[in-house]
C-alpha atoms as a PDB file:
ATOM      1  CA  VAL A   1    -157.854 -27.009  57.681  1.00  0.00           C
ATOM      2  CA  GLU A   2    -156.619 -27.221  61.003  1.00  0.00           C
ATOM      3  CA  MET A   3    -158.378 -28.339  63.855  1.00  0.00           C
ATOM      4  CA  GLU A   4    -157.693 -28.713  67.679  1.00  0.00           C
ATOM      5  CA  GLY A   5    -159.343 -30.196  70.519  1.00  0.00           C
ATOM      6  CA  THR A   6    -159.081 -32.014  74.022  1.00  0.00           C
ATOM      7  CA  CYS A   7    -159.671 -35.571  74.358  1.00  0.00           C
ATOM      8  CA  ARG A   8    -160.334 -36.891  77.995  1.00  0.00           C
ATOM      9  CA  ASN A   9    -160.879 -40.330  79.015  1.00  0.00           C
ATOM     10  CA  TYR A  10    -161.128 -42.644  81.944  1.00  0.00           C
ATOM     11  CA  THR A  11    -158.648 -45.558  81.038  1.00  0.00           C
ATOM     12  CA  PRO A  12    -155.323 -45.962  79.158  1.00  0.00           C
ATOM     13  CA  ALA A  13    -157.102 -48.625  77.051  1.00  0.00           C
ATOM     14  CA  VAL A  14    -159.841 -46.132  76.066  1.00  0.00           C
ATOM     15  CA  ARG A  15    -157.076 -43.536  75.461  1.00  0.00           C
ATOM     16  CA  GLU A  16    -155.375 -45.577  72.947  1.00  0.00           C
ATOM     17  CA  MET A  17    -158.613 -46.768  71.240  1.00  0.00           C
ATOM     18  CA  VAL A  18    -159.616 -43.012  70.789  1.00  0.00           C
ATOM     19  CA  GLU A  19    -156.329 -42.189  69.313  1.00  0.00           C
ATOM     20  CA  LYS A  20    -156.446 -44.975  66.659  1.00  0.00           C
ATOM     21  CA  ARG A  21    -160.040 -44.534  65.867  1.00  0.00           C
ATOM     22  CA  MET A  22    -159.741 -40.683  65.467  1.00  0.00           C
ATOM     23  CA  GLY A  23    -156.612 -41.589  63.033  1.00  0.00           C
ATOM     24  CA  GLU A  24    -158.973 -43.895  61.088  1.00  0.00           C
ATOM     25  CA  ILE A  25    -161.870 -41.615  60.861  1.00  0.00           C
ATOM     26  CA  VAL A  26    -159.638 -38.457  59.800  1.00  0.00           C
ATOM     27  CA  LYS A  27    -157.788 -40.673  57.002  1.00  0.00           C
ATOM     28  CA  GLY A  28    -161.210 -42.023  55.844  1.00  0.00           C
ATOM     29  CA  VAL A  29    -163.128 -38.800  55.746  1.00  0.00           C
ATOM     30  CA  ALA A  30    -160.199 -37.081  53.763  1.00  0.00           C
ATOM     31  CA  GLU A  31    -159.804 -39.904  51.367  1.00  0.00           C
ATOM     32  CA  GLY A  32    -163.597 -39.884  50.724  1.00  0.00           C
ATOM     33  CA  MET A  33    -163.455 -36.222  50.011  1.00  0.00           C
ATOM     34  CA  GLY A  34    -160.138 -36.820  47.653  1.00  0.00           C
ATOM     35  CA  ALA A  35    -157.763 -35.117  50.042  1.00  0.00           C
ATOM     36  CA  LYS A  36    -155.069 -36.061  52.377  1.00  0.00           C
ATOM     37  CA  ALA A  37    -155.041 -35.619  56.438  1.00  0.00           C
ATOM     38  CA  GLU A  38    -152.687 -35.830  58.958  1.00  0.00           C
ATOM     39  CA  LEU A  39    -153.605 -36.475  62.772  1.00  0.00           C
ATOM     40  CA  ARG A  40    -151.059 -35.202  65.273  1.00  0.00           C
ATOM     41  CA  TYR A  41    -152.283 -36.598  68.577  1.00  0.00           C
ATOM     42  CA  ILE A  42    -150.384 -35.201  71.549  1.00  0.00           C
ATOM     43  CA  HIS A  43    -150.851 -36.946  74.624  1.00  0.00           C
ATOM     44  CA  GLY A  44    -151.407 -34.762  77.482  1.00  0.00           C
ATOM     45  CA  TYR A  45    -152.457 -35.861  81.055  1.00  0.00           C
ATOM     46  CA  SER A  46    -153.045 -39.514  81.630  1.00  0.00           C
ATOM     47  CA  PRO A  47    -156.259 -40.627  83.226  1.00  0.00           C
ATOM     48  CA  LEU A  48    -156.225 -40.089  86.857  1.00  0.00           C
ATOM     49  CA  ILE A  49    -156.983 -43.475  88.363  1.00  0.00           C
ATOM     50  CA  ASN A  50    -157.009 -43.475  92.166  1.00  0.00           C
ATOM     51  CA  ASP A  51    -155.753 -46.561  93.951  1.00  0.00           C
ATOM     52  CA  ALA A  52    -158.650 -48.465  95.660  1.00  0.00           C
ATOM     53  CA  GLY A  53    -156.716 -49.061  98.758  1.00  0.00           C
ATOM     54  CA  MET A  54    -155.569 -45.454  99.092  1.00  0.00           C
ATOM     55  CA  VAL A  55    -159.364 -44.318  98.581  1.00  0.00           C
ATOM     56  CA  LYS A  56    -160.034 -46.584 101.436  1.00  0.00           C
ATOM     57  CA  LEU A  57    -157.384 -45.278 103.633  1.00  0.00           C
ATOM     58  CA  LEU A  58    -158.505 -41.566 102.725  1.00  0.00           C
ATOM     59  CA  GLU A  59    -162.086 -42.452 103.583  1.00  0.00           C
ATOM     60  CA  GLU A  60    -161.078 -43.828 106.973  1.00  0.00           C
ATOM     61  CA  VAL A  61    -158.741 -41.014 107.788  1.00  0.00           C
ATOM     62  CA  ALA A  62    -161.296 -38.300 106.743  1.00  0.00           C
ATOM     63  CA  THR A  63    -163.975 -39.900 108.807  1.00  0.00           C
ATOM     64  CA  GLU A  64    -161.785 -39.926 111.829  1.00  0.00           C
ATOM     65  CA  ILE A  65    -161.029 -36.208 111.481  1.00  0.00           C
ATOM     66  CA  CYS A  66    -164.293 -34.725 109.975  1.00  0.00           C
ATOM     67  CA  GLY A  67    -167.026 -37.553 110.733  1.00  0.00           C
ATOM     68  CA  ALA A  68    -168.696 -39.476 108.286  1.00  0.00           C
ATOM     69  CA  GLU A  69    -171.340 -37.102 107.686  1.00  0.00           C
ATOM     70  CA  HIS A  70    -168.770 -34.723 105.962  1.00  0.00           C
ATOM     71  CA  VAL A  71    -167.083 -37.276 103.727  1.00  0.00           C
ATOM     72  CA  ASN A  72    -168.247 -37.873 100.476  1.00  0.00           C
ATOM     73  CA  ILE A  73    -166.416 -40.396  98.016  1.00  0.00           C
ATOM     74  CA  PRO A  74    -168.197 -39.993  94.690  1.00  0.00           C
ATOM     75  CA  ASN A  75    -168.984 -43.277  92.620  1.00  0.00           C
ATOM     76  CA  GLU A  76    -168.635 -41.637  89.440  1.00  0.00           C
ATOM     77  CA  ALA A  77    -165.425 -40.688  87.486  1.00  0.00           C
ATOM     78  CA  SER A  78    -164.514 -37.075  86.714  1.00  0.00           C
ATOM     79  CA  MET A  79    -163.269 -35.892  83.134  1.00  0.00           C
ATOM     80  CA  GLY A  80    -161.073 -33.272  84.900  1.00  0.00           C
ATOM     81  CA  GLY A  81    -157.493 -33.131  83.786  1.00  0.00           C
ATOM     82  CA  GLU A  82    -154.834 -33.276  86.406  1.00  0.00           C
ATOM     83  CA  ASP A  83    -151.261 -33.737  86.424  1.00  0.00           C
ATOM     84  CA  PHE A  84    -151.384 -35.772  89.785  1.00  0.00           C
ATOM     85  CA  SER A  85    -152.065 -38.537  87.171  1.00  0.00           C
ATOM     86  CA  PHE A  86    -148.446 -38.835  86.378  1.00  0.00           C
ATOM     87  CA  PHE A  87    -147.718 -39.447  90.189  1.00  0.00           C
ATOM     88  CA  ALA A  88    -150.452 -41.860  90.480  1.00  0.00           C
ATOM     89  CA  GLU A  89    -149.062 -43.966  87.488  1.00  0.00           C
ATOM     90  CA  LYS A  90    -145.678 -44.338  89.757  1.00  0.00           C
ATOM     91  CA  ALA A  91    -146.885 -45.045  93.123  1.00  0.00           C
ATOM     92  CA  PRO A  92    -150.474 -45.927  94.851  1.00  0.00           C
ATOM     93  CA  GLY A  93    -152.231 -42.513  95.258  1.00  0.00           C
ATOM     94  CA  VAL A  94    -155.543 -40.726  95.734  1.00  0.00           C
ATOM     95  CA  PHE A  95    -156.711 -37.464  94.394  1.00  0.00           C
ATOM     96  CA  TYR A  96    -159.089 -35.737  96.679  1.00  0.00           C
ATOM     97  CA  ARG A  97    -160.916 -32.269  96.994  1.00  0.00           C
ATOM     98  CA  THR A  98    -161.567 -30.648 100.372  1.00  0.00           C
ATOM     99  CA  GLY A  99    -164.801 -28.861 100.578  1.00  0.00           C
ATOM    100  CA  CYS A 100    -163.711 -25.315 100.779  1.00  0.00           C
ATOM    101  CA  HIS A 101    -167.027 -23.443 100.273  1.00  0.00           C
ATOM    102  CA  LYS A 102    -167.339 -20.345 102.316  1.00  0.00           C
ATOM    103  CA  ALA A 103    -170.803 -20.304 104.024  1.00  0.00           C
ATOM    104  CA  GLY A 104    -173.082 -17.510 102.519  1.00  0.00           C
ATOM    105  CA  GLU A 105    -171.141 -17.193  99.388  1.00  0.00           C
ATOM    106  CA  PRO A 106    -172.448 -18.330  95.925  1.00  0.00           C
ATOM    107  CA  ILE A 107    -170.869 -21.776  94.777  1.00  0.00           C
ATOM    108  CA  TRP A 108    -168.521 -21.485  91.888  1.00  0.00           C
ATOM    109  CA  SER A 109    -166.478 -24.051  90.118  1.00  0.00           C
ATOM    110  CA  THR A 110    -163.001 -24.479  91.104  1.00  0.00           C
ATOM    111  CA  HIS A 111    -161.113 -22.376  88.308  1.00  0.00           C
ATOM    112  CA  ASN A 112    -163.597 -19.392  88.436  1.00  0.00           C
ATOM    113  CA  GLU A 113    -162.473 -16.019  89.420  1.00  0.00           C
ATOM    114  CA  HIS A 114    -165.630 -15.476  91.515  1.00  0.00           C
ATOM    115  CA  MET A 115    -164.620 -18.586  93.606  1.00  0.00           C
ATOM    116  CA  VAL A 116    -164.262 -17.766  97.176  1.00  0.00           C
ATOM    117  CA  VAL A 117    -162.208 -20.301  99.230  1.00  0.00           C
ATOM    118  CA  ASP A 118    -162.915 -20.489 103.253  1.00  0.00           C
ATOM    119  CA  PRO A 119    -159.402 -20.518 104.473  1.00  0.00           C
ATOM    120  CA  ALA A 120    -160.533 -22.657 107.499  1.00  0.00           C
ATOM    121  CA  CYS A 121    -160.443 -25.675 105.072  1.00  0.00           C
ATOM    122  CA  PHE A 122    -156.586 -25.656 104.677  1.00  0.00           C
ATOM    123  CA  PRO A 123    -155.662 -26.907 108.193  1.00  0.00           C
ATOM    124  CA  ILE A 124    -158.355 -29.655 107.705  1.00  0.00           C
ATOM    125  CA  GLY A 125    -157.129 -30.655 104.197  1.00  0.00           C
ATOM    126  CA  MET A 126    -153.532 -30.695 105.527  1.00  0.00           C
ATOM    127  CA  GLN A 127    -154.355 -32.776 108.482  1.00  0.00           C
ATOM    128  CA  ILE A 128    -156.107 -35.286 106.262  1.00  0.00           C
ATOM    129  CA  MET A 129    -152.945 -35.478 103.954  1.00  0.00           C
ATOM    130  CA  VAL A 130    -150.430 -35.747 106.865  1.00  0.00           C
ATOM    131  CA  ASN A 131    -152.690 -38.384 108.724  1.00  0.00           C
ATOM    132  CA  CYS A 132    -153.125 -40.368 105.650  1.00  0.00           C
ATOM    133  CA  ALA A 133    -149.189 -40.390 104.896  1.00  0.00           C
ATOM    134  CA  LEU A 134    -148.512 -41.374 108.351  1.00  0.00           C
ATOM    135  CA  THR A 135    -151.082 -44.096 108.554  1.00  0.00           C
ATOM    136  CA  TYR A 136    -149.971 -45.443 105.142  1.00  0.00           C
ATOM    137  CA  LEU A 137    -146.142 -45.419 106.350  1.00  0.00           C
ATOM    138  CA  GLU A 138    -146.945 -47.232 109.637  1.00  0.00           C
ATOM    139  CA  ARG A 139    -148.918 -49.780 107.931  1.00  0.00           C
ATOM    140  CA  ASN A 140    -146.458 -50.374 105.157  1.00  0.00           C
ATOM    141  CA  SER A 141    -143.080 -50.224 106.932  1.00  0.00           C
END
C-alpha cells in the first residue's frame, strides 16, 4: 500500500512532533498486523510565521493608506501553504493579503478559476508594500 498526503502545521515544534508521531503510528500499526512499513516524510513549506513587529508596521502603514475600517488583521492562523515562509525564516517579514474582490461579482477562493480580481487593488497593494519597506528602512538604518 502506498499513501500520500499533506501535513500542515502552525509551528516548527508541531511539525517535528507530527513527523515523529506519524512514524511511530505507521510502525506500530504495521507491526500489529505482522507487516513492515516505511514512512518517507518530505518537508515541504515551513509554517509561515509573521514577525509581530512587522505585523504592527503593516497595520500602521495600511491604516494610513486605506483607513482603519479597511484593515483587518486576523487573530487566527491560516493553514495555507506558502513559499514566503522560507523568506520569513531568514528575515523579519509579514505575509498579507489585499482585498481584491470586484464589487458585484461572487466571492471565490483565491485559487479558483472563477475568481475575478479588481485591478484597482494592485496600486494600493504596491503602495502598502513600498511604504512598509521605506518605513522599515527609515526606522532601522
